[in-house]
All heavy atoms as atom14 arrays in JSON, in Angstrom:
{
  "sequence": "MTHAFFKALLFMAAGSIILRVHHEQNIFKMGG",
  "atom14_mask": [
    [1, 1, 1, 1, 1, 1, 1, 1, 0, 0, 0, 0, 0, 0],
    [1, 1, 1, 1, 1, 1, 1, 0, 0, 0, 0, 0, 0, 0],
    [1, 1, 1, 1, 1, 1, 1, 1, 1, 1, 0, 0, 0, 0],
    [1, 1, 1, 1, 1, 0, 0, 0, 0, 0, 0, 0, 0, 0],
    [1, 1, 1, 1, 1, 1, 1, 1, 1, 1, 1, 0, 0, 0],
    [1, 1, 1, 1, 1, 1, 1, 1, 1, 1, 1, 0, 0, 0],
    [1, 1, 1, 1, 1, 1, 1, 1, 1, 0, 0, 0, 0, 0],
    [1, 1, 1, 1, 1, 0, 0, 0, 0, 0, 0, 0, 0, 0],
    [1, 1, 1, 1, 1, 1, 1, 1, 0, 0, 0, 0, 0, 0],
    [1, 1, 1, 1, 1, 1, 1, 1, 0, 0, 0, 0, 0, 0],
    [1, 1, 1, 1, 1, 1, 1, 1, 1, 1, 1, 0, 0, 0],
    [1, 1, 1, 1, 1, 1, 1, 1, 0, 0, 0, 0, 0, 0],
    [1, 1, 1, 1, 1, 0, 0, 0, 0, 0, 0, 0, 0, 0],
    [1, 1, 1, 1, 1, 0, 0, 0, 0, 0, 0, 0, 0, 0],
    [1, 1, 1, 1, 0, 0, 0, 0, 0, 0, 0, 0, 0, 0],
    [1, 1, 1, 1, 1, 1, 0, 0, 0, 0, 0, 0, 0, 0],
    [1, 1, 1, 1, 1, 1, 1, 1, 0, 0, 0, 0, 0, 0],
    [1, 1, 1, 1, 1, 1, 1, 1, 0, 0, 0, 0, 0, 0],
    [1, 1, 1, 1, 1, 1, 1, 1, 0, 0, 0, 0, 0, 0],
    [1, 1, 1, 1, 1, 1, 1, 1, 1, 1, 1, 0, 0, 0],
    [1, 1, 1, 1, 1, 1, 1, 0, 0, 0, 0, 0, 0, 0],
    [1, 1, 1, 1, 1, 1, 1, 1, 1, 1, 0, 0, 0, 0],
    [1, 1, 1, 1, 1, 1, 1, 1, 1, 1, 0, 0, 0, 0],
    [1, 1, 1, 1, 1, 1, 1, 1, 1, 0, 0, 0, 0, 0],
    [1, 1, 1, 1, 1, 1, 1, 1, 1, 0, 0, 0, 0, 0],
    [1, 1, 1, 1, 1, 1, 1, 1, 0, 0, 0, 0, 0, 0],
    [1, 1, 1, 1, 1, 1, 1, 1, 0, 0, 0, 0, 0, 0],
    [1, 1, 1, 1, 1, 1, 1, 1, 1, 1, 1, 0, 0, 0],
    [1, 1, 1, 1, 1, 1, 1, 1, 1, 0, 0, 0, 0, 0],
    [1, 1, 1, 1, 1, 1, 1, 1, 0, 0, 0, 0, 0, 0],
    [1, 1, 1, 1, 0, 0, 0, 0, 0, 0, 0, 0, 0, 0],
    [1, 1, 1, 1, 0, 0, 0, 0, 0, 0, 0, 0, 0, 0]
  ],
  "atom14_positions": [
    [[138.73, 185.65, 92.91], [139.82, 186.14, 92.08], [139.83, 187.67, 92.0], [140.86, 188.3, 92.24], [139.71, 185.55, 90.68], [140.83, 185.98, 89.74], [140.59, 185.44, 88.03], [139.3, 186.57, 87.5], [0.0, 0.0, 0.0], [0.0, 0.0, 0.0], [0.0, 0.0, 0.0], [0.0, 0.0, 0.0], [0.0, 0.0, 0.0], [0.0, 0.0, 0.0]],
    [[138.68, 188.27, 91.69], [138.65, 189.73, 91.57], [138.92, 190.38, 92.93], [139.59, 191.41, 93.01], [137.3, 190.2, 91.03], [136.24, 189.79, 91.9], [137.06, 189.64, 89.64], [0.0, 0.0, 0.0], [0.0, 0.0, 0.0], [0.0, 0.0, 0.0], [0.0, 0.0, 0.0], [0.0, 0.0, 0.0], [0.0, 0.0, 0.0], [0.0, 0.0, 0.0]],
    [[138.42, 189.76, 94.01], [138.66, 190.29, 95.34], [140.15, 190.26, 95.67], [140.68, 191.17, 96.32], [137.88, 189.48, 96.38], [138.13, 189.89, 97.79], [139.01, 189.22, 98.61], [137.63, 190.91, 98.53], [139.04, 189.81, 99.8], [138.21, 190.83, 99.78], [0.0, 0.0, 0.0], [0.0, 0.0, 0.0], [0.0, 0.0, 0.0], [0.0, 0.0, 0.0]],
    [[140.86, 189.22, 95.22], [142.31, 189.16, 95.45], [143.0, 190.35, 94.8], [143.94, 190.92, 95.39], [142.86, 187.85, 94.89], [0.0, 0.0, 0.0], [0.0, 0.0, 0.0], [0.0, 0.0, 0.0], [0.0, 0.0, 0.0], [0.0, 0.0, 0.0], [0.0, 0.0, 0.0], [0.0, 0.0, 0.0], [0.0, 0.0, 0.0], [0.0, 0.0, 0.0]],
    [[142.55, 190.75, 93.63], [143.17, 191.89, 92.94], [142.94, 193.19, 93.71], [143.9, 193.88, 94.08], [142.6, 192.03, 91.52], [142.85, 190.86, 90.63], [141.98, 190.57, 89.57], [143.93, 190.02, 90.83], [142.2, 189.48, 88.75], [144.16, 188.93, 90.0], [143.28, 188.66, 88.96], [0.0, 0.0, 0.0], [0.0, 0.0, 0.0], [0.0, 0.0, 0.0]],
    [[141.68, 193.51, 93.96], [141.43, 194.84, 94.52], [141.7, 194.91, 96.02], [142.03, 195.97, 96.54], [140.04, 195.38, 94.17], [138.86, 194.59, 94.67], [138.5, 194.58, 96.0], [138.05, 193.9, 93.77], [137.39, 193.88, 96.44], [136.93, 193.19, 94.2], [136.6, 193.19, 95.54], [0.0, 0.0, 0.0], [0.0, 0.0, 0.0], [0.0, 0.0, 0.0]],
    [[141.61, 193.79, 96.74], [141.9, 193.87, 98.18], [143.4, 193.95, 98.44], [143.85, 194.68, 99.33], [141.27, 192.67, 98.9], [141.36, 192.75, 100.43], [140.84, 194.09, 100.99], [139.4, 194.39, 100.67], [138.46, 193.52, 101.35], [0.0, 0.0, 0.0], [0.0, 0.0, 0.0], [0.0, 0.0, 0.0], [0.0, 0.0, 0.0], [0.0, 0.0, 0.0]],
    [[144.2, 193.22, 97.65], [145.65, 193.37, 97.76], [146.05, 194.8, 97.42], [146.9, 195.41, 98.08], [146.36, 192.38, 96.83], [0.0, 0.0, 0.0], [0.0, 0.0, 0.0], [0.0, 0.0, 0.0], [0.0, 0.0, 0.0], [0.0, 0.0, 0.0], [0.0, 0.0, 0.0], [0.0, 0.0, 0.0], [0.0, 0.0, 0.0], [0.0, 0.0, 0.0]],
    [[145.42, 195.36, 96.39], [145.7, 196.74, 95.99], [145.34, 197.71, 97.11], [146.13, 198.62, 97.43], [144.9, 197.07, 94.73], [144.96, 198.52, 94.23], [146.38, 198.9, 93.88], [144.04, 198.7, 93.02], [0.0, 0.0, 0.0], [0.0, 0.0, 0.0], [0.0, 0.0, 0.0], [0.0, 0.0, 0.0], [0.0, 0.0, 0.0], [0.0, 0.0, 0.0]],
    [[144.2, 197.55, 97.72], [143.78, 198.46, 98.79], [144.71, 198.38, 99.99], [145.06, 199.42, 100.59], [142.34, 198.13, 99.21], [141.24, 198.6, 98.26], [139.9, 198.0, 98.64], [141.16, 200.13, 98.25], [0.0, 0.0, 0.0], [0.0, 0.0, 0.0], [0.0, 0.0, 0.0], [0.0, 0.0, 0.0], [0.0, 0.0, 0.0], [0.0, 0.0, 0.0]],
    [[145.12, 197.19, 100.37], [146.03, 197.08, 101.51], [147.41, 197.66, 101.19], [148.05, 198.26, 102.05], [146.14, 195.62, 101.96], [145.15, 195.25, 103.01], [144.09, 194.42, 102.71], [145.25, 195.75, 104.31], [143.16, 194.07, 103.68], [144.33, 195.42, 105.28], [143.27, 194.57, 104.97], [0.0, 0.0, 0.0], [0.0, 0.0, 0.0], [0.0, 0.0, 0.0]],
    [[147.87, 197.45, 99.95], [149.15, 198.04, 99.58], [149.07, 199.57, 99.62], [149.98, 200.24, 100.15], [149.53, 197.59, 98.17], [149.98, 196.16, 98.06], [150.44, 195.78, 96.36], [150.85, 194.04, 96.49], [0.0, 0.0, 0.0], [0.0, 0.0, 0.0], [0.0, 0.0, 0.0], [0.0, 0.0, 0.0], [0.0, 0.0, 0.0], [0.0, 0.0, 0.0]],
    [[148.0, 200.12, 99.09], [147.84, 201.58, 99.12], [147.72, 202.08, 100.55], [148.32, 203.09, 100.92], [146.61, 201.98, 98.3], [0.0, 0.0, 0.0], [0.0, 0.0, 0.0], [0.0, 0.0, 0.0], [0.0, 0.0, 0.0], [0.0, 0.0, 0.0], [0.0, 0.0, 0.0], [0.0, 0.0, 0.0], [0.0, 0.0, 0.0], [0.0, 0.0, 0.0]],
    [[146.96, 201.36, 101.37], [146.83, 201.77, 102.78], [148.17, 201.69, 103.48], [148.51, 202.58, 104.29], [145.81, 200.86, 103.47], [0.0, 0.0, 0.0], [0.0, 0.0, 0.0], [0.0, 0.0, 0.0], [0.0, 0.0, 0.0], [0.0, 0.0, 0.0], [0.0, 0.0, 0.0], [0.0, 0.0, 0.0], [0.0, 0.0, 0.0], [0.0, 0.0, 0.0]],
    [[148.97, 200.65, 103.19], [150.28, 200.56, 103.8], [151.19, 201.7, 103.39], [151.96, 202.23, 104.21], [0.0, 0.0, 0.0], [0.0, 0.0, 0.0], [0.0, 0.0, 0.0], [0.0, 0.0, 0.0], [0.0, 0.0, 0.0], [0.0, 0.0, 0.0], [0.0, 0.0, 0.0], [0.0, 0.0, 0.0], [0.0, 0.0, 0.0], [0.0, 0.0, 0.0]],
    [[151.12, 202.1, 102.12], [151.92, 203.24, 101.66], [151.51, 204.52, 102.37], [152.35, 205.34, 102.75], [151.76, 203.41, 100.14], [152.22, 202.26, 99.46], [0.0, 0.0, 0.0], [0.0, 0.0, 0.0], [0.0, 0.0, 0.0], [0.0, 0.0, 0.0], [0.0, 0.0, 0.0], [0.0, 0.0, 0.0], [0.0, 0.0, 0.0], [0.0, 0.0, 0.0]],
    [[150.21, 204.69, 102.57], [149.71, 205.87, 103.3], [150.24, 205.86, 104.73], [150.76, 206.86, 105.24], [148.17, 205.91, 103.28], [147.65, 206.11, 101.86], [147.65, 207.01, 104.2], [146.16, 205.89, 101.72], [0.0, 0.0, 0.0], [0.0, 0.0, 0.0], [0.0, 0.0, 0.0], [0.0, 0.0, 0.0], [0.0, 0.0, 0.0], [0.0, 0.0, 0.0]],
    [[150.11, 204.72, 105.39], [150.52, 204.61, 106.79], [152.01, 204.9, 106.95], [152.43, 205.61, 107.87], [150.17, 203.21, 107.34], [148.65, 203.04, 107.42], [150.79, 202.99, 108.71], [148.21, 201.61, 107.65], [0.0, 0.0, 0.0], [0.0, 0.0, 0.0], [0.0, 0.0, 0.0], [0.0, 0.0, 0.0], [0.0, 0.0, 0.0], [0.0, 0.0, 0.0]],
    [[152.82, 204.37, 106.04], [154.26, 204.62, 106.12], [154.59, 206.1, 105.97], [155.47, 206.63, 106.67], [154.98, 203.84, 105.02], [155.39, 202.39, 105.31], [156.17, 201.83, 104.13], [156.24, 202.3, 106.57], [0.0, 0.0, 0.0], [0.0, 0.0, 0.0], [0.0, 0.0, 0.0], [0.0, 0.0, 0.0], [0.0, 0.0, 0.0], [0.0, 0.0, 0.0]],
    [[153.87, 206.77, 105.09], [154.24, 208.16, 104.75], [153.57, 209.2, 105.63], [153.9, 210.38, 105.52], [153.92, 208.4, 103.27], [154.81, 207.58, 102.34], [154.49, 207.79, 100.88], [154.65, 209.18, 100.47], [154.39, 209.63, 99.26], [153.94, 208.78, 98.33], [154.56, 210.91, 98.96], [0.0, 0.0, 0.0], [0.0, 0.0, 0.0], [0.0, 0.0, 0.0]],
    [[152.67, 208.79, 106.5], [152.07, 209.75, 107.44], [152.44, 209.35, 108.88], [151.64, 209.49, 109.8], [150.54, 209.85, 107.28], [150.18, 210.41, 105.92], [149.86, 208.5, 107.49], [0.0, 0.0, 0.0], [0.0, 0.0, 0.0], [0.0, 0.0, 0.0], [0.0, 0.0, 0.0], [0.0, 0.0, 0.0], [0.0, 0.0, 0.0], [0.0, 0.0, 0.0]],
    [[153.67, 208.87, 109.03], [154.24, 208.6, 110.36], [153.45, 207.52, 111.1], [153.19, 207.64, 112.31], [154.29, 209.9, 111.19], [154.86, 211.06, 110.44], [156.22, 211.2, 110.21], [154.26, 212.12, 109.82], [156.43, 212.31, 109.52], [155.28, 212.88, 109.26], [0.0, 0.0, 0.0], [0.0, 0.0, 0.0], [0.0, 0.0, 0.0], [0.0, 0.0, 0.0]],
    [[153.07, 206.48, 110.38], [152.39, 205.3, 110.95], [151.06, 205.66, 111.61], [150.62, 204.97, 112.53], [153.31, 204.59, 111.94], [154.54, 204.03, 111.3], [154.54, 202.82, 110.63], [155.81, 204.54, 111.19], [155.76, 202.6, 110.15], [156.54, 203.62, 110.47], [0.0, 0.0, 0.0], [0.0, 0.0, 0.0], [0.0, 0.0, 0.0], [0.0, 0.0, 0.0]],
    [[150.43, 206.68, 111.11], [149.09, 207.04, 111.58], [148.05, 206.21, 110.81], [148.15, 206.08, 109.59], [148.82, 208.53, 111.36], [147.44, 208.99, 111.78], [147.18, 208.74, 113.25], [147.9, 209.32, 114.08], [146.28, 207.92, 113.54], [0.0, 0.0, 0.0], [0.0, 0.0, 0.0], [0.0, 0.0, 0.0], [0.0, 0.0, 0.0], [0.0, 0.0, 0.0]],
    [[147.07, 205.62, 111.52], [146.06, 204.8, 110.88], [144.64, 205.35, 111.02], [143.71, 204.82, 110.42], [146.11, 203.36, 111.44], [147.41, 202.65, 111.09], [147.47, 201.2, 111.57], [148.54, 200.64, 111.72], [146.33, 200.59, 111.79], [0.0, 0.0, 0.0], [0.0, 0.0, 0.0], [0.0, 0.0, 0.0], [0.0, 0.0, 0.0], [0.0, 0.0, 0.0]],
    [[144.47, 206.41, 111.79], [143.16, 207.03, 111.97], [142.85, 207.9, 110.76], [143.56, 208.87, 110.48], [143.15, 207.86, 113.25], [141.75, 208.34, 113.61], [140.92, 208.61, 112.74], [141.49, 208.45, 114.89], [0.0, 0.0, 0.0], [0.0, 0.0, 0.0], [0.0, 0.0, 0.0], [0.0, 0.0, 0.0], [0.0, 0.0, 0.0], [0.0, 0.0, 0.0]],
    [[141.8, 207.57, 110.04], [141.5, 208.31, 108.8], [141.17, 209.77, 109.07], [141.4, 210.63, 108.21], [140.35, 207.64, 108.02], [139.06, 207.57, 108.85], [140.75, 206.26, 107.55], [137.86, 207.05, 108.09], [0.0, 0.0, 0.0], [0.0, 0.0, 0.0], [0.0, 0.0, 0.0], [0.0, 0.0, 0.0], [0.0, 0.0, 0.0], [0.0, 0.0, 0.0]],
    [[140.64, 210.08, 110.27], [140.29, 211.46, 110.58], [141.51, 212.3, 110.93], [141.39, 213.51, 111.12], [139.26, 211.5, 111.72], [137.9, 211.05, 111.29], [137.49, 209.74, 111.51], [137.03, 211.91, 110.66], [136.23, 209.32, 111.12], [135.77, 211.49, 110.25], [135.37, 210.19, 110.48], [0.0, 0.0, 0.0], [0.0, 0.0, 0.0], [0.0, 0.0, 0.0]],
    [[142.69, 211.68, 111.02], [143.92, 212.42, 111.24], [144.73, 212.52, 109.96], [145.91, 212.88, 109.98], [144.75, 211.76, 112.35], [144.08, 211.83, 113.72], [144.95, 211.22, 114.8], [144.27, 211.3, 116.16], [145.09, 210.69, 117.24], [0.0, 0.0, 0.0], [0.0, 0.0, 0.0], [0.0, 0.0, 0.0], [0.0, 0.0, 0.0], [0.0, 0.0, 0.0]],
    [[144.11, 212.18, 108.84], [144.78, 212.3, 107.55], [144.17, 213.5, 106.82], [144.17, 214.6, 107.3], [144.62, 210.99, 106.76], [145.25, 209.79, 107.46], [144.99, 208.23, 106.56], [145.65, 207.07, 107.73], [0.0, 0.0, 0.0], [0.0, 0.0, 0.0], [0.0, 0.0, 0.0], [0.0, 0.0, 0.0], [0.0, 0.0, 0.0], [0.0, 0.0, 0.0]],
    [[143.64, 213.3, 105.63], [143.0, 214.38, 104.89], [143.92, 215.06, 103.9], [145.1, 215.3, 104.17], [0.0, 0.0, 0.0], [0.0, 0.0, 0.0], [0.0, 0.0, 0.0], [0.0, 0.0, 0.0], [0.0, 0.0, 0.0], [0.0, 0.0, 0.0], [0.0, 0.0, 0.0], [0.0, 0.0, 0.0], [0.0, 0.0, 0.0], [0.0, 0.0, 0.0]],
    [[143.38, 215.38, 102.73], [144.11, 216.15, 101.73], [145.29, 215.45, 101.1], [146.15, 216.1, 100.51], [0.0, 0.0, 0.0], [0.0, 0.0, 0.0], [0.0, 0.0, 0.0], [0.0, 0.0, 0.0], [0.0, 0.0, 0.0], [0.0, 0.0, 0.0], [0.0, 0.0, 0.0], [0.0, 0.0, 0.0], [0.0, 0.0, 0.0], [0.0, 0.0, 0.0]]
  ]
}
């Protein structure tokens, strides 16, 4: 149950990041 909460949250946040940084998924090409 707790994993469902925080893992769904993490994937949603990661998806928002990917959308807003031009579909980049490499963490070393993000930053700041």
